[in-house]
Amino acid sequence: MEQVDIGIMLPGAELFNDQNVNPTWKGHVKTHEQIVVAFIKQLPPQKLYIECVCAVLGRYLGLPIPKPLVVKLTNDSFSDIPEGSYALAFGSEDASYPSFRRHAQSEEAMLKLAEFAKTLDVGLFDEWIANWDRNIGNILYDGGNEFSFIDHENAISEEIDFKEEAHANQIVDAIYSLKSEFEKYKINRQVQTSLLPQYQELPFSILSEKTYAGSYLSDEKVLRVINFLESRASLLHELFSKRLKLQQQEMAI
């Protein structure tokens, strides 16, 4: 599992507007090793942690999620921050793709998303993290065959118990749950045999260290997120089957 990089936002960032909910800037971030272009948004510490956790875990599972950053904002980049102090923000390295919003009316683009090798993986991941907020603005698309997935701040909400279904799962609801019972059975078997085993041996014990959570969040809140994910992983097959609207009696192939 990779370590989240820490960086400082350099002067010159520009406000980025793609109908995003939180103010987001596109600018350069200087880490210990290099200068990268990233999208930066200020979030409460809890949501900063959740963004980092979801990005680190998603990338560990092989999902196309941009590399996360914990970004220090100083007076040099934000004049409302007092000199000598800093605020923390979440950064996501620029994937160089625009949002899927530009292609939302294209049947060909929707078909590309449905056929993308990792779309089912992302649907399962969203069910695990209880991410109801997957939408055309946080799916990035290169216009060809590649996609990337961002914005997980609304996942792992304190309003949902680990046993409960997520409020929505846009990918599964729109792409998979409308298929025939036979197709859904095959999808469910693929999830059970190929994808779910990855969730049984995740290194939860090092999540806090890898996200620097102890430096900006209480131990209680850090552990709540870890406990939620660890407990929910054991129920993921059941939760995904319900989301898929799979009938109880499975069909024989």
C-alpha atoms as a PDB file:
ATOM      1  CA  MET A   1       0.000   0.000   0.000  1.00  0.00           C
ATOM      2  CA  GLU A   2       1.476   3.316  -1.075  1.00  0.00           C
ATOM      3  CA  GLN A   3       2.094   6.302   1.158  1.00  0.00           C
ATOM      4  CA  VAL A   4       0.071   9.455   0.588  1.00  0.00           C
ATOM      5  CA  ASP A   5       2.424  12.260  -0.420  1.00  0.00           C
ATOM      6  CA  ILE A   6       2.486  15.562   1.466  1.00  0.00           C
ATOM      7  CA  GLY A   7       3.025  18.723  -0.512  1.00  0.00           C
ATOM      8  CA  ILE A   8       2.736  22.506  -0.462  1.00  0.00           C
ATOM      9  CA  MET A   9       0.522  24.305  -2.942  1.00  0.00           C
ATOM     10  CA  LEU A  10       2.557  26.799  -4.937  1.00  0.00           C
ATOM     11  CA  PRO A  11       1.288  30.279  -5.848  1.00  0.00           C
ATOM     12  CA  GLY A  12      -0.649  30.682  -9.066  1.00  0.00           C
ATOM     13  CA  ALA A  13      -3.402  28.080  -8.652  1.00  0.00           C
ATOM     14  CA  GLU A  14      -6.613  28.834 -10.521  1.00  0.00           C
ATOM     15  CA  LEU A  15     -10.162  28.170  -9.393  1.00  0.00           C
ATOM     16  CA  PHE A  16     -11.530  25.243 -11.368  1.00  0.00           C
ATOM     17  CA  ASN A  17     -15.235  25.118 -12.169  1.00  0.00           C
ATOM     18  CA  ASP A  18     -16.857  21.948 -13.491  1.00  0.00           C
ATOM     19  CA  GLN A  19     -20.073  22.205 -11.462  1.00  0.00           C
ATOM     20  CA  ASN A  20     -18.108  20.838  -8.502  1.00  0.00           C
ATOM     21  CA  VAL A  21     -19.708  21.219  -5.065  1.00  0.00           C
ATOM     22  CA  ASN A  22     -16.622  22.279  -3.109  1.00  0.00           C
ATOM     23  CA  PRO A  23     -14.327  25.080  -4.299  1.00  0.00           C
ATOM     24  CA  THR A  24     -11.537  23.382  -6.226  1.00  0.00           C
ATOM     25  CA  TRP A  25      -8.267  24.773  -7.521  1.00  0.00           C
ATOM     26  CA  LYS A  26      -5.961  23.462 -10.196  1.00  0.00           C
ATOM     27  CA  GLY A  27      -2.357  24.238  -9.462  1.00  0.00           C
ATOM     28  CA  HIS A  28       1.142  22.993  -8.794  1.00  0.00           C
ATOM     29  CA  VAL A  29       2.013  21.115  -5.616  1.00  0.00           C
ATOM     30  CA  LYS A  30       5.585  20.660  -4.465  1.00  0.00           C
ATOM     31  CA  THR A  31       6.222  17.350  -2.725  1.00  0.00           C
ATOM     32  CA  HIS A  32       9.515  16.069  -1.307  1.00  0.00           C
ATOM     33  CA  GLU A  33      10.368  14.527  -4.663  1.00  0.00           C
ATOM     34  CA  GLN A  34       8.794  16.604  -7.428  1.00  0.00           C
ATOM     35  CA  ILE A  35       6.321  19.233  -8.530  1.00  0.00           C
ATOM     36  CA  VAL A  36       2.989  17.846  -9.752  1.00  0.00           C
ATOM     37  CA  VAL A  37      -0.170  19.334 -11.220  1.00  0.00           C
ATOM     38  CA  ALA A  38      -3.139  18.579  -8.984  1.00  0.00           C
ATOM     39  CA  PHE A  39      -6.711  19.482  -8.194  1.00  0.00           C
ATOM     40  CA  ILE A  40      -6.950  20.786  -4.635  1.00  0.00           C
ATOM     41  CA  LYS A  41     -10.017  21.232  -2.460  1.00  0.00           C
ATOM     42  CA  GLN A  42     -10.391  22.287   1.155  1.00  0.00           C
ATOM     43  CA  LEU A  43     -12.314  19.764   3.220  1.00  0.00           C
ATOM     44  CA  PRO A  44     -13.011  19.155   6.911  1.00  0.00           C
ATOM     45  CA  PRO A  45     -10.437  16.760   8.429  1.00  0.00           C
ATOM     46  CA  GLN A  46     -12.878  13.821   8.417  1.00  0.00           C
ATOM     47  CA  LYS A  47     -13.568  14.148   4.695  1.00  0.00           C
ATOM     48  CA  LEU A  48      -9.884  14.706   3.965  1.00  0.00           C
ATOM     49  CA  TYR A  49      -9.149  11.401   5.687  1.00  0.00           C
ATOM     50  CA  ILE A  50     -11.952   9.597   3.843  1.00  0.00           C
ATOM     51  CA  GLU A  51     -10.706  10.890   0.493  1.00  0.00           C
ATOM     52  CA  CYS A  52      -7.193   9.657   1.301  1.00  0.00           C
ATOM     53  CA  VAL A  53      -8.414   6.286   2.580  1.00  0.00           C
ATOM     54  CA  CYS A  54     -10.591   5.629  -0.459  1.00  0.00           C
ATOM     55  CA  ALA A  55      -7.866   6.658  -2.905  1.00  0.00           C
ATOM     56  CA  VAL A  56      -5.181   4.559  -1.194  1.00  0.00           C
ATOM     57  CA  LEU A  57      -7.415   1.487  -0.872  1.00  0.00           C
ATOM     58  CA  GLY A  58      -8.831   1.859  -4.363  1.00  0.00           C
ATOM     59  CA  ARG A  59      -5.381   2.097  -5.900  1.00  0.00           C
ATOM     60  CA  TYR A  60      -4.261  -0.890  -3.798  1.00  0.00           C
ATOM     61  CA  LEU A  61      -7.169  -2.831  -5.346  1.00  0.00           C
ATOM     62  CA  GLY A  62      -6.030  -1.792  -8.819  1.00  0.00           C
ATOM     63  CA  LEU A  63      -8.668   0.845  -9.534  1.00  0.00           C
ATOM     64  CA  PRO A  64      -7.835   3.811 -11.788  1.00  0.00           C
ATOM     65  CA  ILE A  65      -7.930   6.520  -9.112  1.00  0.00           C
ATOM     66  CA  PRO A  66      -5.469   9.439  -9.285  1.00  0.00           C
ATOM     67  CA  LYS A  67      -2.742   9.553  -6.668  1.00  0.00           C
ATOM     68  CA  PRO A  68      -3.870  11.387  -3.505  1.00  0.00           C
ATOM     69  CA  LEU A  69      -2.038  14.200  -1.740  1.00  0.00           C
ATOM     70  CA  VAL A  70      -2.321  15.948   1.605  1.00  0.00           C
ATOM     71  CA  VAL A  71      -1.681  19.556   0.621  1.00  0.00           C
ATOM     72  CA  LYS A  72      -0.529  22.365   2.891  1.00  0.00           C
ATOM     73  CA  LEU A  73      -2.011  25.756   2.043  1.00  0.00           C
ATOM     74  CA  THR A  74       0.054  28.707   3.212  1.00  0.00           C
ATOM     75  CA  ASN A  75      -0.151  32.474   3.029  1.00  0.00           C
ATOM     76  CA  ASP A  76       1.900  32.320  -0.182  1.00  0.00           C
ATOM     77  CA  SER A  77      -0.971  30.594  -1.986  1.00  0.00           C
ATOM     78  CA  PHE A  78      -3.961  31.824   0.092  1.00  0.00           C
ATOM     79  CA  SER A  79      -3.826  35.341   1.468  1.00  0.00           C
ATOM     80  CA  ASP A  80      -6.529  34.634   4.096  1.00  0.00           C
ATOM     81  CA  ILE A  81      -4.235  32.139   5.839  1.00  0.00           C
ATOM     82  CA  PRO A  82      -2.122  33.954   8.468  1.00  0.00           C
ATOM     83  CA  GLU A  83       1.612  34.049   7.842  1.00  0.00           C
ATOM     84  CA  GLY A  84       3.454  31.298   9.667  1.00  0.00           C
ATOM     85  CA  SER A  85       0.466  28.928   9.752  1.00  0.00           C
ATOM     86  CA  TYR A  86      -1.166  26.586   7.264  1.00  0.00           C
ATOM     87  CA  ALA A  87      -4.388  24.759   6.447  1.00  0.00           C
ATOM     88  CA  LEU A  88      -4.732  21.265   5.036  1.00  0.00           C
ATOM     89  CA  ALA A  89      -6.503  20.343   1.825  1.00  0.00           C
ATOM     90  CA  PHE A  90      -6.965  17.236  -0.276  1.00  0.00           C
ATOM     91  CA  GLY A  91      -5.137  16.975  -3.552  1.00  0.00           C
ATOM     92  CA  SER A  92      -5.638  14.642  -6.469  1.00  0.00           C
ATOM     93  CA  GLU A  93      -2.963  14.431  -9.147  1.00  0.00           C
ATOM     94  CA  ASP A  94      -4.208  15.581 -12.531  1.00  0.00           C
ATOM     95  CA  ALA A  95      -5.305  12.554 -14.554  1.00  0.00           C
ATOM     96  CA  SER A  96      -5.322  14.712 -17.710  1.00  0.00           C
ATOM     97  CA  TYR A  97      -8.878  13.603 -18.555  1.00  0.00           C
ATOM     98  CA  PRO A  98     -11.955  15.855 -18.541  1.00  0.00           C
ATOM     99  CA  SER A  99     -15.092  14.753 -16.727  1.00  0.00           C
ATOM    100  CA  PHE A 100     -17.561  12.353 -18.320  1.00  0.00           C
ATOM    101  CA  ARG A 101     -20.073  15.205 -18.198  1.00  0.00           C
ATOM    102  CA  ARG A 102     -19.025  16.166 -21.719  1.00  0.00           C
ATOM    103  CA  HIS A 103     -20.028  12.738 -23.044  1.00  0.00           C
ATOM    104  CA  ALA A 104     -23.111  12.036 -20.951  1.00  0.00           C
ATOM    105  CA  GLN A 105     -25.456  12.161 -23.964  1.00  0.00           C
ATOM    106  CA  SER A 106     -23.272   9.898 -26.077  1.00  0.00           C
ATOM    107  CA  GLU A 107     -24.489   6.311 -26.367  1.00  0.00           C
ATOM    108  CA  GLU A 108     -21.035   5.273 -27.580  1.00  0.00           C
ATOM    109  CA  ALA A 109     -19.375   6.766 -24.484  1.00  0.00           C
ATOM    110  CA  MET A 110     -21.888   5.059 -22.186  1.00  0.00           C
ATOM    111  CA  LEU A 111     -21.149   1.776 -23.919  1.00  0.00           C
ATOM    112  CA  LYS A 112     -17.414   2.382 -23.442  1.00  0.00           C
ATOM    113  CA  LEU A 113     -18.015   2.904 -19.711  1.00  0.00           C
ATOM    114  CA  ALA A 114     -20.076  -0.296 -19.479  1.00  0.00           C
ATOM    115  CA  GLU A 115     -17.352  -2.248 -21.295  1.00  0.00           C
ATOM    116  CA  PHE A 116     -14.418  -0.725 -19.401  1.00  0.00           C
ATOM    117  CA  ALA A 117     -12.448  -3.474 -17.646  1.00  0.00           C
ATOM    118  CA  LYS A 118     -12.608  -1.843 -14.199  1.00  0.00           C
ATOM    119  CA  THR A 119     -16.193  -0.531 -14.156  1.00  0.00           C
ATOM    120  CA  LEU A 120     -17.559  -3.554 -12.296  1.00  0.00           C
ATOM    121  CA  ASP A 121     -14.667  -3.290  -9.832  1.00  0.00           C
ATOM    122  CA  VAL A 122     -15.575   0.351  -9.173  1.00  0.00           C
ATOM    123  CA  GLY A 123     -19.238  -0.551  -8.688  1.00  0.00           C
ATOM    124  CA  LEU A 124     -18.268  -3.120  -6.054  1.00  0.00           C
ATOM    125  CA  PHE A 125     -15.866  -0.650  -4.434  1.00  0.00           C
ATOM    126  CA  ASP A 126     -18.580   2.025  -4.270  1.00  0.00           C
ATOM    127  CA  GLU A 127     -20.896  -0.443  -2.517  1.00  0.00           C
ATOM    128  CA  TRP A 128     -18.167  -1.246  -0.010  1.00  0.00           C
ATOM    129  CA  ILE A 129     -17.431   2.380   0.843  1.00  0.00           C
ATOM    130  CA  ALA A 130     -21.153   3.284   0.643  1.00  0.00           C
ATOM    131  CA  ASN A 131     -20.459   5.896  -2.012  1.00  0.00           C
ATOM    132  CA  TRP A 132     -23.838   7.182  -3.217  1.00  0.00           C
ATOM    133  CA  ASP A 133     -22.269  10.140  -5.027  1.00  0.00           C
ATOM    134  CA  ARG A 134     -20.761   8.585  -8.164  1.00  0.00           C
ATOM    135  CA  ASN A 135     -21.854  10.825 -11.022  1.00  0.00           C
ATOM    136  CA  ILE A 136     -20.809  12.066 -14.458  1.00  0.00           C
ATOM    137  CA  GLY A 137     -18.763  14.825 -12.841  1.00  0.00           C
ATOM    138  CA  ASN A 138     -16.462  12.491 -10.905  1.00  0.00           C
ATOM    139  CA  ILE A 139     -15.882   9.978 -13.672  1.00  0.00           C
ATOM    140  CA  LEU A 140     -13.048  11.179 -15.901  1.00  0.00           C
ATOM    141  CA  TYR A 141     -12.896  10.063 -19.529  1.00  0.00           C
ATOM    142  CA  ASP A 142     -10.188  10.473 -22.145  1.00  0.00           C
ATOM    143  CA  GLY A 143     -12.643  10.221 -25.041  1.00  0.00           C
ATOM    144  CA  GLY A 144     -11.305   6.829 -26.060  1.00  0.00           C
ATOM    145  CA  ASN A 145     -11.062   3.775 -23.856  1.00  0.00           C
ATOM    146  CA  GLU A 146      -9.699   5.033 -20.537  1.00  0.00           C
ATOM    147  CA  PHE A 147     -11.529   6.193 -17.415  1.00  0.00           C
ATOM    148  CA  SER A 148     -10.492   7.452 -14.003  1.00  0.00           C
ATOM    149  CA  PHE A 149     -12.599   7.862 -10.861  1.00  0.00           C
ATOM    150  CA  ILE A 150     -12.391  10.673  -8.312  1.00  0.00           C
ATOM    151  CA  ASP A 151     -14.216  12.361  -5.396  1.00  0.00           C
ATOM    152  CA  HIS A 152     -15.030   9.998  -2.530  1.00  0.00           C
ATOM    153  CA  GLU A 153     -15.621  12.555   0.210  1.00  0.00           C
ATOM    154  CA  ASN A 154     -19.258  11.500   0.693  1.00  0.00           C
ATOM    155  CA  ALA A 155     -18.380   7.842   1.262  1.00  0.00           C
ATOM    156  CA  ILE A 156     -18.316   6.124   4.683  1.00  0.00           C
ATOM    157  CA  SER A 157     -20.863   8.556   6.078  1.00  0.00           C
ATOM    158  CA  GLU A 158     -21.590   8.529   9.803  1.00  0.00           C
ATOM    159  CA  GLU A 159     -25.275   8.381   8.837  1.00  0.00           C
ATOM    160  CA  ILE A 160     -25.017   4.804   7.590  1.00  0.00           C
ATOM    161  CA  ASP A 161     -24.242   1.661   9.561  1.00  0.00           C
ATOM    162  CA  PHE A 162     -21.812  -0.848   8.069  1.00  0.00           C
ATOM    163  CA  LYS A 163     -24.667  -3.371   7.701  1.00  0.00           C
ATOM    164  CA  GLU A 164     -26.881  -1.041   5.675  1.00  0.00           C
ATOM    165  CA  GLU A 165     -27.108  -0.712   1.926  1.00  0.00           C
ATOM    166  CA  ALA A 166     -25.693   2.490   0.476  1.00  0.00           C
ATOM    167  CA  HIS A 167     -28.299   5.104  -0.424  1.00  0.00           C
ATOM    168  CA  ALA A 168     -27.452   4.562  -4.089  1.00  0.00           C
ATOM    169  CA  ASN A 169     -24.834   3.018  -6.329  1.00  0.00           C
ATOM    170  CA  GLN A 170     -24.969   4.817  -9.634  1.00  0.00           C
ATOM    171  CA  ILE A 171     -22.745   2.408 -11.570  1.00  0.00           C
ATOM    172  CA  VAL A 172     -24.463  -0.793 -10.474  1.00  0.00           C
ATOM    173  CA  ASP A 173     -27.941   0.726 -10.665  1.00  0.00           C
ATOM    174  CA  ALA A 174     -27.433   2.115 -14.177  1.00  0.00           C
ATOM    175  CA  ILE A 175     -25.293  -0.587 -15.791  1.00  0.00           C
ATOM    176  CA  TYR A 176     -25.766  -3.945 -14.076  1.00  0.00           C
ATOM    177  CA  SER A 177     -29.040  -4.181 -12.123  1.00  0.00           C
ATOM    178  CA  LEU A 178     -31.144  -3.813 -15.306  1.00  0.00           C
ATOM    179  CA  LYS A 179     -29.599  -6.841 -17.014  1.00  0.00           C
ATOM    180  CA  SER A 180     -31.330 -10.204 -17.342  1.00  0.00           C
ATOM    181  CA  GLU A 181     -31.346 -12.561 -14.383  1.00  0.00           C
ATOM    182  CA  PHE A 182     -28.923 -14.864 -16.165  1.00  0.00           C
ATOM    183  CA  GLU A 183     -26.492 -12.003 -16.874  1.00  0.00           C
ATOM    184  CA  LYS A 184     -26.756 -10.767 -13.289  1.00  0.00           C
ATOM    185  CA  TYR A 185     -26.004 -14.249 -12.020  1.00  0.00           C
ATOM    186  CA  LYS A 186     -22.819 -14.368 -14.124  1.00  0.00           C
ATOM    187  CA  ILE A 187     -21.820 -10.911 -12.889  1.00  0.00           C
ATOM    188  CA  ASN A 188     -22.379 -11.967  -9.297  1.00  0.00           C
ATOM    189  CA  ARG A 189     -20.287 -15.096  -9.778  1.00  0.00           C
ATOM    190  CA  GLN A 190     -17.486 -12.994 -11.283  1.00  0.00           C
ATOM    191  CA  VAL A 191     -17.587 -10.684  -8.280  1.00  0.00           C
ATOM    192  CA  GLN A 192     -17.576 -13.604  -5.860  1.00  0.00           C
ATOM    193  CA  THR A 193     -14.734 -15.536  -7.469  1.00  0.00           C
ATOM    194  CA  SER A 194     -12.479 -12.798  -8.889  1.00  0.00           C
ATOM    195  CA  LEU A 195     -13.042  -9.589  -6.931  1.00  0.00           C
ATOM    196  CA  LEU A 196     -14.213 -10.312  -3.394  1.00  0.00           C
ATOM    197  CA  PRO A 197     -11.123 -12.329  -2.351  1.00  0.00           C
ATOM    198  CA  GLN A 198      -9.069  -9.103  -2.598  1.00  0.00           C
ATOM    199  CA  TYR A 199     -11.171  -7.575   0.179  1.00  0.00           C
ATOM    200  CA  GLN A 200     -10.382 -10.285   2.710  1.00  0.00           C
ATOM    201  CA  GLU A 201      -6.699  -9.477   3.218  1.00  0.00           C
ATOM    202  CA  LEU A 202      -6.546  -5.693   3.081  1.00  0.00           C
ATOM    203  CA  PRO A 203      -3.887  -4.161   5.395  1.00  0.00           C
ATOM    204  CA  PHE A 204      -6.273  -2.046   7.500  1.00  0.00           C
ATOM    205  CA  SER A 205      -3.746  -1.757  10.326  1.00  0.00           C
ATOM    206  CA  ILE A 206      -1.479   0.567   8.329  1.00  0.00           C
ATOM    207  CA  LEU A 207      -4.179   2.866   6.903  1.00  0.00           C
ATOM    208  CA  SER A 208      -3.677   5.550   9.526  1.00  0.00           C
ATOM    209  CA  GLU A 209       0.070   5.592   8.934  1.00  0.00           C
ATOM    210  CA  LYS A 210      -0.291   5.689   5.142  1.00  0.00           C
ATOM    211  CA  THR A 211      -2.721   8.623   5.247  1.00  0.00           C
ATOM    212  CA  TYR A 212      -1.060  10.594   8.093  1.00  0.00           C
ATOM    213  CA  ALA A 213      -4.474  10.549   9.770  1.00  0.00           C
ATOM    214  CA  GLY A 214      -3.068  10.823  13.290  1.00  0.00           C
ATOM    215  CA  SER A 215      -1.780  14.314  12.544  1.00  0.00           C
ATOM    216  CA  TYR A 216      -5.153  15.869  11.768  1.00  0.00           C
ATOM    217  CA  LEU A 217      -7.875  13.564  13.159  1.00  0.00           C
ATOM    218  CA  SER A 218      -8.735  11.957  16.497  1.00  0.00           C
ATOM    219  CA  ASP A 219      -8.015   8.266  17.067  1.00  0.00           C
ATOM    220  CA  GLU A 220     -11.730   7.648  17.588  1.00  0.00           C
ATOM    221  CA  LYS A 221     -12.657   8.991  14.149  1.00  0.00           C
ATOM    222  CA  VAL A 222      -9.753   7.215  12.479  1.00  0.00           C
ATOM    223  CA  LEU A 223     -10.821   3.880  13.970  1.00  0.00           C
ATOM    224  CA  ARG A 224     -14.490   4.379  13.099  1.00  0.00           C
ATOM    225  CA  VAL A 225     -13.639   4.488   9.397  1.00  0.00           C
ATOM    226  CA  ILE A 226     -11.363   1.447   9.620  1.00  0.00           C
ATOM    227  CA  ASN A 227     -13.915  -0.550  11.623  1.00  0.00           C
ATOM    228  CA  PHE A 228     -16.664   0.368   9.155  1.00  0.00           C
ATOM    229  CA  LEU A 229     -14.649  -0.871   6.183  1.00  0.00           C
ATOM    230  CA  GLU A 230     -13.346  -4.000   7.860  1.00  0.00           C
ATOM    231  CA  SER A 231     -16.798  -5.029   9.103  1.00  0.00           C
ATOM    232  CA  ARG A 232     -18.503  -4.173   5.820  1.00  0.00           C
ATOM    233  CA  ALA A 233     -16.010  -6.228   3.800  1.00  0.00           C
ATOM    234  CA  SER A 234     -17.381  -9.419   5.362  1.00  0.00           C
ATOM    235  CA  LEU A 235     -20.911  -8.497   4.186  1.00  0.00           C
ATOM    236  CA  LEU A 236     -19.976  -7.227   0.760  1.00  0.00           C
ATOM    237  CA  HIS A 237     -21.187 -10.234  -1.206  1.00  0.00           C
ATOM    238  CA  GLU A 238     -24.627  -9.990   0.375  1.00  0.00           C
ATOM    239  CA  LEU A 239     -24.785  -6.211  -0.063  1.00  0.00           C
ATOM    240  CA  PHE A 240     -23.729  -6.411  -3.708  1.00  0.00           C
ATOM    241  CA  SER A 241     -26.240  -9.172  -4.472  1.00  0.00           C
ATOM    242  CA  LYS A 242     -29.021  -6.997  -3.063  1.00  0.00           C
ATOM    243  CA  ARG A 243     -27.807  -4.022  -5.057  1.00  0.00           C
ATOM    244  CA  LEU A 244     -27.778  -6.160  -8.186  1.00  0.00           C
ATOM    245  CA  LYS A 245     -31.418  -7.098  -7.454  1.00  0.00           C
ATOM    246  CA  LEU A 246     -30.443 -10.724  -7.818  1.00  0.00           C
ATOM    247  CA  GLN A 247     -33.190 -13.181  -6.979  1.00  0.00           C
ATOM    248  CA  GLN A 248     -32.473 -15.432  -4.012  1.00  0.00           C
ATOM    249  CA  GLN A 249     -32.504 -18.627  -5.996  1.00  0.00           C
ATOM    250  CA  GLU A 250     -29.441 -18.621  -8.216  1.00  0.00           C
ATOM    251  CA  MET A 251     -29.674 -20.023 -11.708  1.00  0.00           C
ATOM    252  CA  ALA A 252     -27.503 -22.839 -12.938  1.00  0.00           C
ATOM    253  CA  ILE A 253     -25.193 -22.028 -15.814  1.00  0.00           C
END
